[in-house]
N, C-alpha and C. Protein backbone atom coordinates (compact mmCIF):
# COMPACT_ATOMS: atom_id res chain seq x y z
N MET A 1 115.23 51.58 10.04
CA MET A 1 114.16 50.62 10.33
C MET A 1 114.45 50.11 11.75
N PHE A 2 113.37 49.65 12.41
CA PHE A 2 113.50 49.24 13.79
C PHE A 2 112.80 47.85 14.03
N VAL A 3 113.42 47.10 14.89
CA VAL A 3 112.81 45.92 15.46
C VAL A 3 112.57 46.30 16.91
N ILE A 4 111.38 46.29 17.38
CA ILE A 4 111.02 46.57 18.76
C ILE A 4 110.63 45.26 19.42
N VAL A 5 111.40 44.86 20.39
CA VAL A 5 111.12 43.64 21.14
C VAL A 5 110.44 44.06 22.43
N LEU A 6 109.18 43.56 22.62
CA LEU A 6 108.51 43.83 23.89
C LEU A 6 108.71 42.60 24.81
N HIS A 7 109.09 42.94 26.05
CA HIS A 7 109.24 41.94 27.06
C HIS A 7 108.18 42.12 28.11
N TYR A 8 107.29 41.19 28.27
CA TYR A 8 106.22 41.31 29.31
C TYR A 8 106.89 41.38 30.69
N ILE A 9 106.47 42.32 31.48
CA ILE A 9 106.95 42.43 32.87
C ILE A 9 105.84 42.18 33.87
N GLN A 10 104.71 41.86 33.36
CA GLN A 10 103.51 41.51 34.19
C GLN A 10 103.01 40.14 33.77
N PRO A 11 102.25 39.46 34.60
CA PRO A 11 101.70 38.15 34.22
C PRO A 11 100.75 38.33 33.03
N LEU A 12 100.56 37.23 32.31
CA LEU A 12 99.70 37.26 31.11
C LEU A 12 98.29 37.77 31.32
N ASP A 13 97.71 37.54 32.55
CA ASP A 13 96.38 38.03 32.77
C ASP A 13 96.39 39.58 32.75
N GLN A 14 97.46 40.20 33.16
CA GLN A 14 97.54 41.67 33.09
C GLN A 14 97.78 42.13 31.67
N VAL A 15 98.52 41.36 30.89
CA VAL A 15 98.73 41.67 29.47
C VAL A 15 97.42 41.65 28.78
N THR A 16 96.60 40.63 29.01
CA THR A 16 95.31 40.45 28.41
C THR A 16 94.37 41.59 28.65
N VAL A 17 94.44 42.16 29.87
CA VAL A 17 93.56 43.32 30.17
C VAL A 17 93.87 44.48 29.24
N GLN A 18 95.07 44.67 28.79
CA GLN A 18 95.43 45.82 27.91
C GLN A 18 95.49 45.43 26.45
N LEU A 19 95.23 44.16 26.10
CA LEU A 19 95.45 43.70 24.72
C LEU A 19 94.57 44.39 23.70
N GLU A 20 93.33 44.64 23.99
CA GLU A 20 92.44 45.32 23.00
C GLU A 20 92.91 46.72 22.73
N ALA A 21 93.31 47.47 23.78
CA ALA A 21 93.81 48.80 23.60
C ALA A 21 95.14 48.79 22.87
N HIS A 22 95.99 47.83 23.18
CA HIS A 22 97.27 47.68 22.46
C HIS A 22 97.05 47.46 20.99
N ARG A 23 96.12 46.59 20.64
CA ARG A 23 95.82 46.32 19.25
C ARG A 23 95.26 47.53 18.50
N ALA A 24 94.48 48.35 19.21
CA ALA A 24 93.95 49.59 18.61
C ALA A 24 95.12 50.54 18.34
N TYR A 25 96.07 50.66 19.24
CA TYR A 25 97.29 51.41 19.14
C TYR A 25 98.06 50.94 17.87
N LEU A 26 98.24 49.62 17.76
CA LEU A 26 98.93 49.10 16.57
C LEU A 26 98.18 49.48 15.29
N ASP A 27 96.86 49.33 15.30
CA ASP A 27 96.07 49.68 14.10
C ASP A 27 96.26 51.10 13.68
N ARG A 28 96.31 52.05 14.67
CA ARG A 28 96.53 53.47 14.33
C ARG A 28 97.86 53.64 13.66
N HIS A 29 98.89 52.96 14.09
CA HIS A 29 100.21 53.14 13.50
C HIS A 29 100.38 52.37 12.23
N TYR A 30 99.64 51.28 12.02
CA TYR A 30 99.60 50.67 10.67
C TYR A 30 98.97 51.67 9.69
N ALA A 31 97.87 52.25 10.05
CA ALA A 31 97.12 53.20 9.20
C ALA A 31 98.02 54.41 8.89
N ALA A 32 98.84 54.83 9.85
CA ALA A 32 99.70 56.00 9.62
C ALA A 32 100.96 55.61 8.85
N GLY A 33 101.16 54.32 8.57
CA GLY A 33 102.35 53.92 7.81
C GLY A 33 103.61 53.72 8.64
N ASN A 34 103.44 53.71 9.94
CA ASN A 34 104.63 53.59 10.83
C ASN A 34 105.08 52.12 11.06
N PHE A 35 104.14 51.22 11.13
CA PHE A 35 104.46 49.84 11.48
C PHE A 35 104.26 48.92 10.24
N ILE A 36 105.10 47.92 10.13
CA ILE A 36 105.09 47.01 9.01
C ILE A 36 104.59 45.64 9.39
N ALA A 37 104.93 45.16 10.56
CA ALA A 37 104.47 43.84 11.04
C ALA A 37 104.57 43.82 12.55
N SER A 38 103.76 42.93 13.16
CA SER A 38 103.85 42.77 14.59
C SER A 38 103.21 41.43 14.98
N GLY A 39 103.50 40.97 16.17
CA GLY A 39 102.91 39.77 16.67
C GLY A 39 103.57 39.28 17.96
N PRO A 40 102.97 38.32 18.63
CA PRO A 40 103.46 37.78 19.86
C PRO A 40 104.70 36.90 19.60
N GLN A 41 105.55 36.85 20.62
CA GLN A 41 106.63 35.88 20.57
C GLN A 41 106.12 34.49 20.91
N ASN A 42 106.87 33.48 20.50
CA ASN A 42 106.51 32.10 20.84
C ASN A 42 107.75 31.47 21.50
N PRO A 43 107.71 31.17 22.78
CA PRO A 43 106.55 31.24 23.70
C PRO A 43 106.19 32.69 24.01
N ARG A 44 105.03 32.85 24.56
CA ARG A 44 104.43 34.18 24.74
C ARG A 44 105.03 34.91 25.91
N THR A 45 106.24 35.44 25.71
CA THR A 45 106.95 36.20 26.72
C THR A 45 107.00 37.70 26.39
N GLY A 46 106.39 38.01 25.25
CA GLY A 46 106.40 39.42 24.78
C GLY A 46 105.97 39.44 23.32
N GLY A 47 106.39 40.45 22.59
CA GLY A 47 105.99 40.62 21.23
C GLY A 47 107.07 41.33 20.40
N ILE A 48 106.82 41.43 19.10
CA ILE A 48 107.72 42.08 18.18
C ILE A 48 106.93 43.05 17.34
N ILE A 49 107.48 44.24 17.10
CA ILE A 49 106.95 45.22 16.18
C ILE A 49 108.10 45.56 15.22
N LEU A 50 107.81 45.54 13.94
CA LEU A 50 108.73 45.96 12.92
C LEU A 50 108.24 47.35 12.43
N ALA A 51 109.11 48.34 12.59
CA ALA A 51 108.71 49.72 12.31
C ALA A 51 109.55 50.27 11.15
N ARG A 52 108.98 51.12 10.36
CA ARG A 52 109.68 51.81 9.27
C ARG A 52 110.80 52.71 9.85
N ALA A 53 111.69 53.08 8.97
CA ALA A 53 112.69 54.07 9.37
C ALA A 53 111.99 55.40 9.69
N MET A 54 112.48 56.03 10.76
CA MET A 54 112.02 57.35 11.18
C MET A 54 113.05 57.80 12.17
N ALA A 55 112.94 59.07 12.62
CA ALA A 55 113.85 59.57 13.66
C ALA A 55 113.60 58.76 14.94
N ARG A 56 114.64 58.43 15.61
CA ARG A 56 114.56 57.62 16.84
C ARG A 56 113.69 58.34 17.85
N THR A 57 113.76 59.67 17.94
CA THR A 57 112.95 60.42 18.88
C THR A 57 111.44 60.24 18.54
N GLU A 58 111.13 60.18 17.25
CA GLU A 58 109.78 59.98 16.82
C GLU A 58 109.27 58.62 17.28
N LEU A 59 110.06 57.60 17.07
CA LEU A 59 109.73 56.25 17.50
C LEU A 59 109.55 56.17 18.99
N ASP A 60 110.47 56.77 19.76
CA ASP A 60 110.37 56.78 21.19
C ASP A 60 109.04 57.40 21.67
N GLN A 61 108.61 58.48 20.98
CA GLN A 61 107.34 59.13 21.32
C GLN A 61 106.18 58.20 21.01
N LEU A 62 106.21 57.53 19.83
CA LEU A 62 105.14 56.62 19.47
C LEU A 62 105.00 55.47 20.54
N LEU A 63 106.13 55.00 21.03
CA LEU A 63 106.07 53.91 21.98
C LEU A 63 105.46 54.34 23.33
N THR A 64 105.57 55.61 23.68
CA THR A 64 104.97 56.05 24.93
C THR A 64 103.45 56.05 24.85
N GLU A 65 102.87 55.98 23.62
CA GLU A 65 101.45 55.96 23.40
C GLU A 65 100.86 54.56 23.60
N ASP A 66 101.73 53.56 23.60
CA ASP A 66 101.24 52.15 23.69
C ASP A 66 100.67 51.91 25.12
N PRO A 67 99.44 51.42 25.20
CA PRO A 67 98.86 51.02 26.50
C PRO A 67 99.79 50.08 27.30
N PHE A 68 100.53 49.22 26.60
CA PHE A 68 101.41 48.32 27.32
C PHE A 68 102.47 49.14 28.10
N HIS A 69 102.91 50.21 27.46
CA HIS A 69 103.89 51.11 28.13
C HIS A 69 103.16 51.90 29.26
N GLN A 70 102.05 52.47 28.94
CA GLN A 70 101.36 53.33 29.88
C GLN A 70 100.92 52.64 31.13
N HIS A 71 100.71 51.26 31.05
CA HIS A 71 100.26 50.50 32.22
C HIS A 71 101.34 49.56 32.76
N ASP A 72 102.58 49.85 32.33
CA ASP A 72 103.74 49.08 32.81
C ASP A 72 103.55 47.57 32.61
N VAL A 73 103.05 47.15 31.44
CA VAL A 73 102.86 45.79 31.12
C VAL A 73 104.13 45.21 30.45
N ALA A 74 104.83 46.06 29.71
CA ALA A 74 106.04 45.56 28.96
C ALA A 74 107.13 46.61 28.98
N ARG A 75 108.34 46.10 28.79
CA ARG A 75 109.48 46.98 28.57
C ARG A 75 109.88 46.76 27.11
N TYR A 76 110.55 47.75 26.56
CA TYR A 76 110.88 47.76 25.11
C TYR A 76 112.36 47.71 24.90
N GLU A 77 112.76 46.87 24.00
CA GLU A 77 114.14 46.81 23.50
C GLU A 77 114.07 47.26 22.02
N VAL A 78 114.72 48.36 21.67
CA VAL A 78 114.65 48.87 20.32
C VAL A 78 115.99 48.59 19.65
N ILE A 79 115.90 47.96 18.46
CA ILE A 79 117.08 47.61 17.66
C ILE A 79 116.89 48.36 16.36
N GLU A 80 117.81 49.25 16.05
CA GLU A 80 117.80 50.00 14.78
C GLU A 80 118.76 49.32 13.83
N PHE A 81 118.30 49.15 12.59
CA PHE A 81 119.20 48.62 11.57
C PHE A 81 118.90 49.25 10.22
N THR A 82 119.88 49.14 9.31
CA THR A 82 119.73 49.64 7.98
C THR A 82 119.72 48.42 7.05
N PRO A 83 118.60 48.11 6.45
CA PRO A 83 118.51 46.96 5.57
C PRO A 83 119.31 47.29 4.28
N ASN A 84 120.21 46.38 3.92
CA ASN A 84 120.93 46.57 2.66
C ASN A 84 120.76 45.38 1.71
N LYS A 85 120.06 44.34 2.16
CA LYS A 85 119.65 43.25 1.28
C LYS A 85 118.21 42.88 1.65
N PHE A 86 117.41 42.67 0.66
CA PHE A 86 116.01 42.32 0.88
C PHE A 86 115.44 41.71 -0.35
N ALA A 87 114.30 41.03 -0.20
CA ALA A 87 113.63 40.35 -1.28
C ALA A 87 113.07 41.34 -2.27
N PRO A 88 113.01 40.97 -3.57
CA PRO A 88 112.41 41.87 -4.57
C PRO A 88 110.97 42.20 -4.17
N GLY A 89 110.57 43.47 -4.38
CA GLY A 89 109.25 43.89 -4.08
C GLY A 89 109.09 44.51 -2.73
N VAL A 90 110.11 44.44 -1.93
CA VAL A 90 110.03 44.98 -0.56
C VAL A 90 110.40 46.49 -0.48
N GLU A 91 110.90 47.01 -1.58
CA GLU A 91 111.41 48.37 -1.59
C GLU A 91 110.37 49.37 -1.07
N SER A 92 109.11 49.22 -1.47
CA SER A 92 108.12 50.17 -1.06
C SER A 92 107.81 50.09 0.46
N VAL A 93 108.00 48.93 1.00
CA VAL A 93 107.82 48.78 2.48
C VAL A 93 108.92 49.43 3.22
N LEU A 94 110.13 49.45 2.63
CA LEU A 94 111.31 50.05 3.30
C LEU A 94 111.44 51.55 3.10
N ALA A 95 110.63 52.14 2.19
CA ALA A 95 110.71 53.49 1.88
C ALA A 95 110.55 54.43 3.11
N TRP A 96 111.40 55.47 3.14
CA TRP A 96 111.27 56.47 4.15
C TRP A 96 111.46 57.81 3.55
N PRO A 97 110.61 58.82 3.84
CA PRO A 97 109.47 58.60 4.77
C PRO A 97 108.43 57.70 4.18
N ALA A 98 107.63 57.15 5.05
CA ALA A 98 106.62 56.16 4.66
C ALA A 98 105.63 56.89 3.71
N PRO A 99 105.17 56.17 2.67
CA PRO A 99 104.10 56.74 1.83
C PRO A 99 102.81 56.92 2.64
N ARG A 100 102.17 58.02 2.45
CA ARG A 100 100.93 58.30 3.25
C ARG A 100 99.76 58.31 2.31
């Protein structure tokens, strides 16, 4: 499983220009079962994406599709971890490969 921390490297007005395309990108990967949660940081210096377990090379490829990456709006910090404790009922969210 991955926590992807996006750090904006452009002013917020440049982030806003790409926001609709970035949200469409997120929607595609939610539909594909790749992403679990996402949202802006507070204060708004970037965002967070929680991704299912997958090969790191697959994740890296998915991130190159993000308009924030393609337009140099954000840089990405990827943190991989193996959840070994979690709330009841979360097992299906953590399943890998993701149910399709």
